Amino acid sequence: MPSSLPAAVRNHLAALRMLLVLTVITGIAYPLVVTGIAQTAFSHQANGSLVHLNGHVVGSSLIGQNFNLMKNGKDTGKPDPKWFQPRPSAGGYDPLASGASNLGPNNADLVKTIKERRAAVAAFDGVNPKDVPVDAVTASGSGLDPDISKAYADEQVDRVARARGLDPAAVRKLVADNTHSRAVGFLGQDYVNVVNLNLDLAKAG
């Protein structure tokens, strides 16, 4: 028996049914399945790789942060010698202001800034300016990089140990425990996640 509905109406109803079916599949079922798999198999990553100290969230291992001296609960903008310091950040480690300075290697302002940073880091860590690693004076492309080279971490060991009254060997072991090898064995260099390293340092007292 032929349908009493016009062809145009039947086509619209078919399209509406298809819309509802695809909405349920792609808008409800698929997100629930993916979220379920993520929470089951990759819960730490799916939830932002948050790090906790004494039951409180203190950061994310995916995003660097400043470890500055605090005065009356306010950030002084000056690095705290008791903590390992991250590399510079053009955006101040603000996740809403990710990005680099966009200054080229021959830019006079960048050259001046790097010289100033090198002198400041050398004085802060008590080393020769020529021994300061490159990543200690240059920001990452994202401005949020939580990693530093092992060389920069090693440079800071004596200063952190002295400020905390700890045995340098114990602090050096924390660095070694948080050192990751270069990607696939040959890309980049050995690196240390500053957020995780400082978290272990806090737990060690």
N, C-alpha and C. Protein backbone atom coordinates (compact mmCIF):
# COMPACT_ATOMS: atom_id res chain seq x y z
N MET A 1 0.85 -1.19 0.00
CA MET A 1 0.00 0.00 0.00
C MET A 1 0.88 1.25 0.00
N PRO A 2 0.79 2.11 -0.96
CA PRO A 2 1.64 3.28 -1.05
C PRO A 2 1.41 4.21 0.13
N SER A 3 2.52 4.89 0.56
CA SER A 3 2.42 5.83 1.69
C SER A 3 1.57 7.02 1.29
N SER A 4 0.79 7.48 2.29
CA SER A 4 -0.06 8.64 2.04
C SER A 4 0.70 9.95 2.25
N LEU A 5 1.96 9.85 2.75
CA LEU A 5 2.75 11.05 2.99
C LEU A 5 3.49 11.46 1.71
N PRO A 6 3.60 12.74 1.48
CA PRO A 6 4.35 13.21 0.32
C PRO A 6 5.82 12.80 0.43
N ALA A 7 6.49 12.70 -0.70
CA ALA A 7 7.89 12.28 -0.75
C ALA A 7 8.78 13.21 0.07
N ALA A 8 8.52 14.49 0.01
CA ALA A 8 9.35 15.45 0.73
C ALA A 8 9.26 15.22 2.24
N VAL A 9 8.06 14.92 2.72
CA VAL A 9 7.89 14.68 4.16
C VAL A 9 8.60 13.40 4.57
N ARG A 10 8.46 12.35 3.71
CA ARG A 10 9.12 11.07 4.03
C ARG A 10 10.65 11.27 4.10
N ASN A 11 11.17 12.07 3.17
CA ASN A 11 12.62 12.33 3.17
C ASN A 11 13.06 13.08 4.43
N HIS A 12 12.25 14.04 4.86
CA HIS A 12 12.59 14.79 6.06
C HIS A 12 12.53 13.90 7.30
N LEU A 13 11.54 13.00 7.34
CA LEU A 13 11.44 12.10 8.48
C LEU A 13 12.61 11.12 8.51
N ALA A 14 13.03 10.66 7.34
CA ALA A 14 14.18 9.75 7.26
C ALA A 14 15.45 10.47 7.73
N ALA A 15 15.59 11.72 7.32
CA ALA A 15 16.75 12.51 7.73
C ALA A 15 16.73 12.75 9.24
N LEU A 16 15.55 12.99 9.79
CA LEU A 16 15.43 13.22 11.23
C LEU A 16 15.80 11.96 12.01
N ARG A 17 15.33 10.79 11.51
CA ARG A 17 15.69 9.54 12.17
C ARG A 17 17.19 9.31 12.13
N MET A 18 17.80 9.59 10.98
CA MET A 18 19.25 9.42 10.85
C MET A 18 19.98 10.38 11.80
N LEU A 19 19.47 11.61 11.92
CA LEU A 19 20.08 12.58 12.83
C LEU A 19 20.03 12.08 14.26
N LEU A 20 18.87 11.54 14.66
CA LEU A 20 18.73 11.05 16.03
C LEU A 20 19.65 9.86 16.29
N VAL A 21 19.74 8.95 15.30
CA VAL A 21 20.60 7.77 15.46
C VAL A 21 22.06 8.19 15.59
N LEU A 22 22.51 9.08 14.69
CA LEU A 22 23.91 9.52 14.73
C LEU A 22 24.20 10.35 15.98
N THR A 23 23.22 11.10 16.45
CA THR A 23 23.41 11.88 17.68
C THR A 23 23.64 10.95 18.86
N VAL A 24 22.84 9.87 18.93
CA VAL A 24 23.00 8.91 20.02
C VAL A 24 24.36 8.21 19.93
N ILE A 25 24.76 7.84 18.69
CA ILE A 25 26.03 7.11 18.52
C ILE A 25 27.24 8.01 18.78
N THR A 26 27.27 9.15 18.06
CA THR A 26 28.46 10.00 18.13
C THR A 26 28.43 11.01 19.28
N GLY A 27 27.23 11.36 19.75
CA GLY A 27 27.14 12.36 20.79
C GLY A 27 27.01 11.80 22.19
N ILE A 28 26.61 10.53 22.29
CA ILE A 28 26.41 9.94 23.61
C ILE A 28 27.23 8.66 23.79
N ALA A 29 26.98 7.67 22.93
CA ALA A 29 27.64 6.37 23.09
C ALA A 29 29.15 6.46 22.92
N TYR A 30 29.60 7.09 21.84
CA TYR A 30 31.05 7.17 21.57
C TYR A 30 31.79 7.91 22.68
N PRO A 31 31.35 9.11 23.10
CA PRO A 31 32.05 9.80 24.20
C PRO A 31 32.09 8.99 25.49
N LEU A 32 30.97 8.28 25.79
CA LEU A 32 30.94 7.47 27.00
C LEU A 32 31.94 6.32 26.93
N VAL A 33 32.03 5.67 25.77
CA VAL A 33 32.97 4.56 25.60
C VAL A 33 34.40 5.05 25.72
N VAL A 34 34.71 6.14 25.02
CA VAL A 34 36.08 6.68 25.05
C VAL A 34 36.44 7.13 26.46
N THR A 35 35.52 7.82 27.14
CA THR A 35 35.77 8.27 28.51
C THR A 35 35.97 7.08 29.44
N GLY A 36 35.16 6.05 29.25
CA GLY A 36 35.29 4.85 30.08
C GLY A 36 36.65 4.19 29.90
N ILE A 37 37.09 4.07 28.65
CA ILE A 37 38.41 3.46 28.37
C ILE A 37 39.51 4.32 28.98
N ALA A 38 39.40 5.65 28.80
CA ALA A 38 40.42 6.56 29.32
C ALA A 38 40.52 6.48 30.84
N GLN A 39 39.37 6.46 31.51
CA GLN A 39 39.37 6.43 32.97
C GLN A 39 39.84 5.08 33.51
N THR A 40 39.61 4.03 32.72
CA THR A 40 40.01 2.69 33.17
C THR A 40 41.49 2.43 32.91
N ALA A 41 41.94 2.74 31.69
CA ALA A 41 43.31 2.40 31.30
C ALA A 41 44.31 3.54 31.49
N PHE A 42 43.84 4.78 31.40
CA PHE A 42 44.77 5.92 31.47
C PHE A 42 44.23 7.01 32.40
N SER A 43 43.80 6.60 33.57
CA SER A 43 43.14 7.53 34.47
C SER A 43 44.01 8.73 34.85
N HIS A 44 45.30 8.51 35.12
CA HIS A 44 46.19 9.61 35.52
C HIS A 44 46.30 10.65 34.42
N GLN A 45 46.55 10.17 33.19
CA GLN A 45 46.68 11.10 32.06
C GLN A 45 45.36 11.78 31.73
N ALA A 46 44.27 11.01 31.76
CA ALA A 46 42.96 11.56 31.39
C ALA A 46 42.52 12.66 32.36
N ASN A 47 42.96 12.59 33.60
CA ASN A 47 42.56 13.57 34.60
C ASN A 47 43.55 14.71 34.75
N GLY A 48 44.46 14.84 33.78
CA GLY A 48 45.37 15.97 33.78
C GLY A 48 46.71 15.72 34.43
N SER A 49 47.04 14.46 34.73
CA SER A 49 48.33 14.13 35.36
C SER A 49 48.60 14.99 36.59
N LEU A 50 47.58 15.13 37.43
CA LEU A 50 47.70 15.96 38.62
C LEU A 50 48.64 15.32 39.64
N VAL A 51 49.37 16.17 40.35
CA VAL A 51 50.25 15.68 41.41
C VAL A 51 49.72 16.20 42.74
N HIS A 52 49.84 15.36 43.78
CA HIS A 52 49.27 15.68 45.09
C HIS A 52 50.35 15.69 46.16
N LEU A 53 50.16 16.53 47.14
CA LEU A 53 51.03 16.58 48.31
C LEU A 53 50.16 16.80 49.53
N ASN A 54 50.25 15.87 50.48
CA ASN A 54 49.45 15.95 51.71
C ASN A 54 47.95 16.07 51.40
N GLY A 55 47.51 15.35 50.38
CA GLY A 55 46.09 15.33 50.06
C GLY A 55 45.60 16.50 49.24
N HIS A 56 46.50 17.39 48.85
CA HIS A 56 46.11 18.56 48.07
C HIS A 56 46.75 18.52 46.68
N VAL A 57 46.00 18.97 45.68
CA VAL A 57 46.55 19.07 44.33
C VAL A 57 47.51 20.26 44.30
N VAL A 58 48.76 20.02 43.89
CA VAL A 58 49.76 21.08 43.87
C VAL A 58 50.27 21.39 42.46
N GLY A 59 49.70 20.73 41.47
CA GLY A 59 50.11 21.01 40.11
C GLY A 59 49.84 19.84 39.19
N SER A 60 50.39 19.95 38.00
CA SER A 60 50.30 18.88 37.00
C SER A 60 51.70 18.59 36.49
N SER A 61 51.99 17.32 36.31
CA SER A 61 53.32 16.95 35.82
C SER A 61 53.50 17.32 34.35
N LEU A 62 52.41 17.77 33.70
CA LEU A 62 52.48 18.15 32.29
C LEU A 62 52.75 19.64 32.11
N ILE A 63 52.60 20.42 33.18
CA ILE A 63 52.73 21.87 33.08
C ILE A 63 53.74 22.37 34.12
N GLY A 64 54.74 23.09 33.65
CA GLY A 64 55.73 23.65 34.57
C GLY A 64 55.11 24.72 35.44
N GLN A 65 55.83 25.11 36.45
CA GLN A 65 55.37 26.18 37.33
C GLN A 65 56.57 26.86 37.97
N ASN A 66 56.36 28.06 38.45
CA ASN A 66 57.43 28.78 39.13
C ASN A 66 57.55 28.29 40.56
N PHE A 67 58.78 28.27 41.07
CA PHE A 67 59.03 27.92 42.47
C PHE A 67 59.75 29.11 43.09
N ASN A 68 58.95 30.13 43.40
CA ASN A 68 59.50 31.39 43.88
C ASN A 68 59.34 31.55 45.39
N LEU A 69 60.10 32.50 45.92
CA LEU A 69 59.96 32.85 47.32
C LEU A 69 58.59 33.51 47.54
N MET A 70 57.96 33.19 48.64
CA MET A 70 56.67 33.77 48.98
C MET A 70 56.83 34.68 50.19
N LYS A 71 56.12 35.79 50.17
CA LYS A 71 56.13 36.71 51.30
C LYS A 71 54.70 37.16 51.59
N ASN A 72 54.26 36.88 52.80
CA ASN A 72 52.88 37.19 53.19
C ASN A 72 51.87 36.56 52.22
N GLY A 73 52.19 35.34 51.78
CA GLY A 73 51.30 34.63 50.88
C GLY A 73 51.33 35.09 49.44
N LYS A 74 52.27 36.00 49.12
CA LYS A 74 52.34 36.51 47.76
C LYS A 74 53.67 36.13 47.11
N ASP A 75 53.60 35.89 45.81
CA ASP A 75 54.78 35.54 45.03
C ASP A 75 55.67 36.78 44.87
N THR A 76 56.93 36.66 45.30
CA THR A 76 57.86 37.79 45.19
C THR A 76 58.48 37.92 43.80
N GLY A 77 58.33 36.85 42.99
CA GLY A 77 58.95 36.87 41.67
C GLY A 77 60.41 36.47 41.69
N LYS A 78 60.93 36.18 42.89
CA LYS A 78 62.33 35.78 43.04
C LYS A 78 62.41 34.28 43.28
N PRO A 79 63.32 33.58 42.60
CA PRO A 79 63.41 32.13 42.76
C PRO A 79 63.78 31.73 44.19
N ASP A 80 63.17 30.65 44.66
CA ASP A 80 63.44 30.14 46.00
C ASP A 80 64.59 29.14 45.92
N PRO A 81 65.69 29.39 46.64
CA PRO A 81 66.85 28.48 46.57
C PRO A 81 66.58 27.08 47.08
N LYS A 82 65.48 26.87 47.79
CA LYS A 82 65.17 25.55 48.32
C LYS A 82 64.56 24.61 47.29
N TRP A 83 64.25 25.15 46.11
CA TRP A 83 63.60 24.34 45.08
C TRP A 83 64.42 24.33 43.80
N PHE A 84 64.30 23.24 43.05
CA PHE A 84 64.87 23.20 41.71
C PHE A 84 64.06 24.14 40.84
N GLN A 85 64.74 24.93 40.04
CA GLN A 85 64.08 25.93 39.22
C GLN A 85 63.83 25.41 37.81
N PRO A 86 62.71 25.80 37.20
CA PRO A 86 62.40 25.39 35.82
C PRO A 86 63.13 26.30 34.85
N ARG A 87 62.96 26.03 33.57
CA ARG A 87 63.51 26.94 32.57
C ARG A 87 62.63 28.19 32.48
N PRO A 88 63.11 29.26 31.90
CA PRO A 88 62.28 30.47 31.80
C PRO A 88 61.00 30.21 31.00
N SER A 89 60.00 31.04 31.22
CA SER A 89 58.74 30.93 30.49
C SER A 89 58.31 32.30 30.01
N ALA A 90 58.06 32.42 28.71
CA ALA A 90 57.63 33.71 28.16
C ALA A 90 56.27 34.12 28.71
N GLY A 91 55.45 33.13 29.09
CA GLY A 91 54.11 33.43 29.59
C GLY A 91 53.97 33.27 31.08
N GLY A 92 55.09 33.08 31.79
CA GLY A 92 55.01 32.93 33.24
C GLY A 92 54.32 31.66 33.69
N TYR A 93 54.36 30.62 32.86
CA TYR A 93 53.71 29.34 33.17
C TYR A 93 52.22 29.49 33.38
N ASP A 94 51.62 30.42 32.68
CA ASP A 94 50.17 30.60 32.71
C ASP A 94 49.57 29.75 31.58
N PRO A 95 48.78 28.70 31.92
CA PRO A 95 48.21 27.85 30.87
C PRO A 95 47.34 28.61 29.87
N LEU A 96 46.85 29.79 30.27
CA LEU A 96 46.01 30.59 29.38
C LEU A 96 46.85 31.51 28.49
N ALA A 97 48.16 31.51 28.72
CA ALA A 97 49.03 32.38 27.93
C ALA A 97 50.20 31.59 27.36
N SER A 98 49.88 30.40 26.85
CA SER A 98 50.92 29.54 26.29
C SER A 98 51.52 30.16 25.03
N GLY A 99 52.83 30.04 24.90
CA GLY A 99 53.49 30.55 23.70
C GLY A 99 54.90 30.99 23.98
N ALA A 100 55.64 31.26 22.91
CA ALA A 100 57.02 31.70 23.02
C ALA A 100 57.11 33.21 22.85
N SER A 101 58.31 33.74 22.95
CA SER A 101 58.50 35.18 22.78
C SER A 101 58.46 35.58 21.31
N ASN A 102 58.69 34.60 20.41
CA ASN A 102 58.75 34.83 18.96
C ASN A 102 59.91 35.72 18.55
N LEU A 103 60.92 35.84 19.40
CA LEU A 103 62.12 36.60 19.05
C LEU A 103 63.14 35.67 18.43
N GLY A 104 63.74 36.10 17.33
CA GLY A 104 64.73 35.30 16.63
C GLY A 104 66.07 35.29 17.34
N PRO A 105 66.97 34.34 16.99
CA PRO A 105 68.26 34.21 17.68
C PRO A 105 69.17 35.42 17.54
N ASN A 106 68.94 36.25 16.54
CA ASN A 106 69.77 37.44 16.35
C ASN A 106 69.12 38.71 16.89
N ASN A 107 67.95 38.56 17.52
CA ASN A 107 67.26 39.72 18.07
C ASN A 107 68.05 40.29 19.25
N ALA A 108 68.30 41.58 19.21
CA ALA A 108 69.11 42.22 20.24
C ALA A 108 68.50 42.09 21.63
N ASP A 109 67.18 42.19 21.71
CA ASP A 109 66.51 42.06 23.01
C ASP A 109 66.68 40.66 23.58
N LEU A 110 66.56 39.64 22.70
CA LEU A 110 66.71 38.26 23.16
C LEU A 110 68.15 38.00 23.59
N VAL A 111 69.11 38.47 22.82
CA VAL A 111 70.52 38.29 23.16
C VAL A 111 70.82 38.92 24.53
N LYS A 112 70.29 40.12 24.75
CA LYS A 112 70.49 40.81 26.02
C LYS A 112 69.84 40.05 27.16
N THR A 113 68.62 39.55 26.93
CA THR A 113 67.89 38.81 27.96
C THR A 113 68.63 37.53 28.35
N ILE A 114 69.17 36.83 27.35
CA ILE A 114 69.89 35.59 27.62
C ILE A 114 71.15 35.86 28.43
N LYS A 115 71.86 36.94 28.10
CA LYS A 115 73.06 37.29 28.87
C LYS A 115 72.70 37.59 30.31
N GLU A 116 71.62 38.32 30.50
CA GLU A 116 71.19 38.65 31.86
C GLU A 116 70.76 37.40 32.62
N ARG A 117 70.04 36.52 31.94
CA ARG A 117 69.60 35.27 32.58
C ARG A 117 70.80 34.41 32.95
N ARG A 118 71.79 34.34 32.06
CA ARG A 118 72.96 33.51 32.33
C ARG A 118 73.70 34.01 33.57
N ALA A 119 73.86 35.32 33.66
CA ALA A 119 74.55 35.90 34.82
C ALA A 119 73.76 35.64 36.10
N ALA A 120 72.44 35.78 36.02
CA ALA A 120 71.59 35.59 37.21
C ALA A 120 71.60 34.13 37.67
N VAL A 121 71.50 33.20 36.72
CA VAL A 121 71.49 31.78 37.06
C VAL A 121 72.84 31.36 37.64
N ALA A 122 73.92 31.85 37.03
CA ALA A 122 75.26 31.51 37.52
C ALA A 122 75.46 31.99 38.95
N ALA A 123 75.02 33.23 39.24
CA ALA A 123 75.16 33.76 40.59
C ALA A 123 74.28 33.00 41.57
N PHE A 124 73.08 32.65 41.14
CA PHE A 124 72.11 31.95 42.01
C PHE A 124 72.60 30.56 42.37
N ASP A 125 73.16 29.84 41.37
CA ASP A 125 73.61 28.46 41.59
C ASP A 125 75.08 28.38 41.98
N GLY A 126 75.79 29.50 41.92
CA GLY A 126 77.20 29.51 42.31
C GLY A 126 78.10 28.77 41.33
N VAL A 127 77.87 28.99 40.03
CA VAL A 127 78.69 28.33 39.01
C VAL A 127 79.24 29.38 38.05
N ASN A 128 80.14 28.94 37.20
CA ASN A 128 80.70 29.81 36.17
C ASN A 128 79.65 30.04 35.08
N PRO A 129 79.46 31.29 34.64
CA PRO A 129 78.46 31.56 33.60
C PRO A 129 78.59 30.68 32.36
N LYS A 130 79.81 30.32 31.99
CA LYS A 130 79.99 29.51 30.79
C LYS A 130 79.50 28.08 30.98
N ASP A 131 79.28 27.69 32.23
CA ASP A 131 78.81 26.33 32.50
C ASP A 131 77.29 26.23 32.60
N VAL A 132 76.59 27.36 32.49
CA VAL A 132 75.12 27.35 32.59
C VAL A 132 74.53 26.71 31.34
N PRO A 133 73.70 25.68 31.47
CA PRO A 133 73.10 25.00 30.31
C PRO A 133 72.17 25.93 29.52
N VAL A 134 72.00 25.61 28.26
CA VAL A 134 71.18 26.44 27.37
C VAL A 134 69.74 26.54 27.87
N ASP A 135 69.18 25.43 28.35
CA ASP A 135 67.76 25.47 28.74
C ASP A 135 67.53 26.28 30.01
N ALA A 136 68.59 26.66 30.71
CA ALA A 136 68.43 27.49 31.90
C ALA A 136 68.20 28.95 31.54
N VAL A 137 68.47 29.31 30.28
CA VAL A 137 68.35 30.72 29.88
C VAL A 137 67.41 30.92 28.70
N THR A 138 66.85 29.84 28.17
CA THR A 138 65.93 29.96 27.03
C THR A 138 64.60 29.30 27.37
N ALA A 139 63.52 29.94 26.93
CA ALA A 139 62.18 29.40 27.18
C ALA A 139 61.82 28.36 26.12
N SER A 140 60.85 27.52 26.44
CA SER A 140 60.37 26.54 25.49
C SER A 140 59.37 27.17 24.54
N GLY A 141 59.04 26.47 23.47
CA GLY A 141 58.08 26.98 22.51
C GLY A 141 56.70 27.19 23.11
N SER A 142 56.31 26.31 24.02
CA SER A 142 54.99 26.44 24.64
C SER A 142 55.00 27.38 25.84
N GLY A 143 56.17 27.54 26.45
CA GLY A 143 56.24 28.32 27.67
C GLY A 143 55.70 27.58 28.88
N LEU A 144 55.37 26.30 28.69
CA LEU A 144 54.79 25.50 29.78
C LEU A 144 55.59 24.24 30.07
N ASP A 145 56.74 24.09 29.47
CA ASP A 145 57.53 22.87 29.57
C ASP A 145 57.94 22.59 31.02
N PRO A 146 57.57 21.41 31.56
CA PRO A 146 57.94 21.10 32.94
C PRO A 146 59.31 20.44 33.05
N ASP A 147 59.96 20.21 31.92
CA ASP A 147 61.22 19.46 31.91
C ASP A 147 62.44 20.37 31.76
N ILE A 148 63.52 19.97 32.40
CA ILE A 148 64.82 20.62 32.21
C ILE A 148 65.84 19.53 31.90
N SER A 149 66.98 19.92 31.37
CA SER A 149 68.02 18.96 31.08
C SER A 149 68.60 18.43 32.40
N LYS A 150 69.16 17.24 32.34
CA LYS A 150 69.79 16.69 33.55
C LYS A 150 70.96 17.58 33.96
N ALA A 151 71.61 18.18 32.96
CA ALA A 151 72.74 19.06 33.27
C ALA A 151 72.29 20.24 34.13
N TYR A 152 71.12 20.79 33.82
CA TYR A 152 70.63 21.93 34.60
C TYR A 152 70.21 21.47 35.99
N ALA A 153 69.62 20.29 36.08
CA ALA A 153 69.24 19.75 37.39
C ALA A 153 70.49 19.50 38.24
N ASP A 154 71.52 18.91 37.63
CA ASP A 154 72.76 18.64 38.36
C ASP A 154 73.40 19.92 38.86
N GLU A 155 73.31 20.98 38.06
CA GLU A 155 73.90 22.25 38.45
C GLU A 155 73.27 22.80 39.73
N GLN A 156 72.00 22.48 39.96
CA GLN A 156 71.26 23.04 41.09
C GLN A 156 71.36 22.23 42.38
N VAL A 157 71.95 21.04 42.29
CA VAL A 157 71.97 20.13 43.44
C VAL A 157 72.61 20.76 44.68
N ASP A 158 73.80 21.31 44.53
CA ASP A 158 74.51 21.85 45.70
C ASP A 158 73.75 23.01 46.34
N ARG A 159 73.17 23.86 45.51
CA ARG A 159 72.42 25.00 46.04
C ARG A 159 71.18 24.54 46.82
N VAL A 160 70.43 23.59 46.27
CA VAL A 160 69.25 23.07 46.95
C VAL A 160 69.63 22.37 48.25
N ALA A 161 70.69 21.54 48.19
CA ALA A 161 71.13 20.82 49.39
C ALA A 161 71.56 21.79 50.49
N ARG A 162 72.28 22.83 50.09
CA ARG A 162 72.76 23.82 51.06
C ARG A 162 71.59 24.59 51.69
N ALA A 163 70.63 24.98 50.87
CA ALA A 163 69.48 25.75 51.36
C ALA A 163 68.60 24.93 52.29
N ARG A 164 68.58 23.61 52.08
CA ARG A 164 67.72 22.74 52.89
C ARG A 164 68.48 22.02 54.00
N GLY A 165 69.80 22.17 54.01
CA GLY A 165 70.59 21.47 55.02
C GLY A 165 70.61 19.97 54.80
N LEU A 166 70.57 19.55 53.53
CA LEU A 166 70.55 18.13 53.19
C LEU A 166 71.91 17.69 52.64
N ASP A 167 72.13 16.39 52.67
CA ASP A 167 73.34 15.82 52.08
C ASP A 167 73.21 15.92 50.56
N PRO A 168 74.19 16.54 49.88
CA PRO A 168 74.12 16.65 48.43
C PRO A 168 73.94 15.30 47.73
N ALA A 169 74.48 14.25 48.32
CA ALA A 169 74.34 12.92 47.71
C ALA A 169 72.87 12.48 47.69
N ALA A 170 72.13 12.82 48.74
CA ALA A 170 70.71 12.46 48.80
C ALA A 170 69.92 13.24 47.76
N VAL A 171 70.26 14.51 47.58
CA VAL A 171 69.56 15.33 46.58
C VAL A 171 69.93 14.85 45.18
N ARG A 172 71.19 14.48 45.02
CA ARG A 172 71.63 13.98 43.71
C ARG A 172 70.90 12.69 43.35
N LYS A 173 70.61 11.86 44.35
CA LYS A 173 69.87 10.62 44.10
C LYS A 173 68.44 10.92 43.66
N LEU A 174 67.83 11.97 44.24
CA LEU A 174 66.48 12.35 43.81
C LEU A 174 66.49 12.75 42.34
N VAL A 175 67.54 13.47 41.94
CA VAL A 175 67.67 13.86 40.53
C VAL A 175 67.79 12.62 39.65
N ALA A 176 68.64 11.69 40.08
CA ALA A 176 68.84 10.46 39.30
C ALA A 176 67.54 9.67 39.19
N ASP A 177 66.78 9.61 40.28
CA ASP A 177 65.51 8.86 40.27
C ASP A 177 64.48 9.50 39.36
N ASN A 178 64.61 10.80 39.11
CA ASN A 178 63.64 11.52 38.27
C ASN A 178 64.17 11.80 36.87
N THR A 179 65.29 11.19 36.53
CA THR A 179 65.88 11.41 35.21
C THR A 179 65.30 10.43 34.19
N HIS A 180 64.89 10.96 33.06
CA HIS A 180 64.35 10.15 31.96
C HIS A 180 65.33 10.18 30.79
N SER A 181 65.47 9.03 30.14
CA SER A 181 66.39 8.95 29.00
C SER A 181 65.81 9.64 27.78
N ARG A 182 66.67 9.99 26.86
CA ARG A 182 66.24 10.64 25.62
C ARG A 182 65.26 9.76 24.86
N ALA A 183 64.38 10.39 24.10
CA ALA A 183 63.33 9.67 23.37
C ALA A 183 63.93 8.67 22.39
N VAL A 184 63.35 7.47 22.36
CA VAL A 184 63.76 6.35 21.51
C VAL A 184 65.28 6.17 21.48
N GLY A 185 65.93 6.56 22.56
CA GLY A 185 67.35 6.27 22.70
C GLY A 185 68.32 7.25 22.08
N PHE A 186 67.83 8.16 21.19
CA PHE A 186 68.79 9.05 20.55
C PHE A 186 68.24 10.46 20.28
N LEU A 187 66.96 10.69 20.50
CA LEU A 187 66.40 12.01 20.25
C LEU A 187 66.45 12.88 21.50
N GLY A 188 66.95 14.10 21.36
CA GLY A 188 67.00 15.02 22.48
C GLY A 188 68.09 14.66 23.46
N GLN A 189 67.82 14.87 24.74
CA GLN A 189 68.81 14.61 25.79
C GLN A 189 68.10 14.10 27.03
N ASP A 190 68.86 13.56 27.97
CA ASP A 190 68.26 13.13 29.23
C ASP A 190 67.62 14.33 29.91
N TYR A 191 66.46 14.13 30.51
CA TYR A 191 65.74 15.25 31.09
C TYR A 191 65.12 14.90 32.43
N VAL A 192 64.74 15.94 33.17
CA VAL A 192 64.15 15.79 34.50
C VAL A 192 62.88 16.63 34.57
N ASN A 193 61.80 16.04 35.06
CA ASN A 193 60.56 16.78 35.26
C ASN A 193 60.68 17.53 36.60
N VAL A 194 60.74 18.87 36.53
CA VAL A 194 60.97 19.68 37.73
C VAL A 194 59.82 19.55 38.73
N VAL A 195 58.59 19.47 38.23
CA VAL A 195 57.44 19.37 39.13
C VAL A 195 57.53 18.09 39.96
N ASN A 196 57.80 16.97 39.30
CA ASN A 196 57.89 15.70 40.02
C ASN A 196 59.12 15.67 40.93
N LEU A 197 60.22 16.26 40.47
CA LEU A 197 61.43 16.29 41.30
C LEU A 197 61.19 17.10 42.57
N ASN A 198 60.57 18.26 42.44
CA ASN A 198 60.31 19.07 43.64
C ASN A 198 59.28 18.41 44.55
N LEU A 199 58.38 17.65 43.96
CA LEU A 199 57.40 16.92 44.78
C LEU A 199 58.13 15.89 45.64
N ASP A 200 59.05 15.15 45.04
CA ASP A 200 59.84 14.17 45.81
C ASP A 200 60.71 14.87 46.84
N LEU A 201 61.21 16.04 46.49
CA LEU A 201 62.04 16.81 47.42
C LEU A 201 61.20 17.23 48.64
N ALA A 202 59.97 17.66 48.39
CA ALA A 202 59.08 18.05 49.49
C ALA A 202 58.77 16.86 50.39
N LYS A 203 58.57 15.69 49.80
CA LYS A 203 58.27 14.49 50.58
C LYS A 203 59.48 14.05 51.41
N ALA A 204 60.68 14.34 50.87
CA ALA A 204 61.90 13.93 51.57
C ALA A 204 62.21 14.87 52.73
N GLY A 205 61.51 16.02 52.77
CA GLY A 205 61.74 16.97 53.85
C GLY A 205 62.82 17.95 53.49
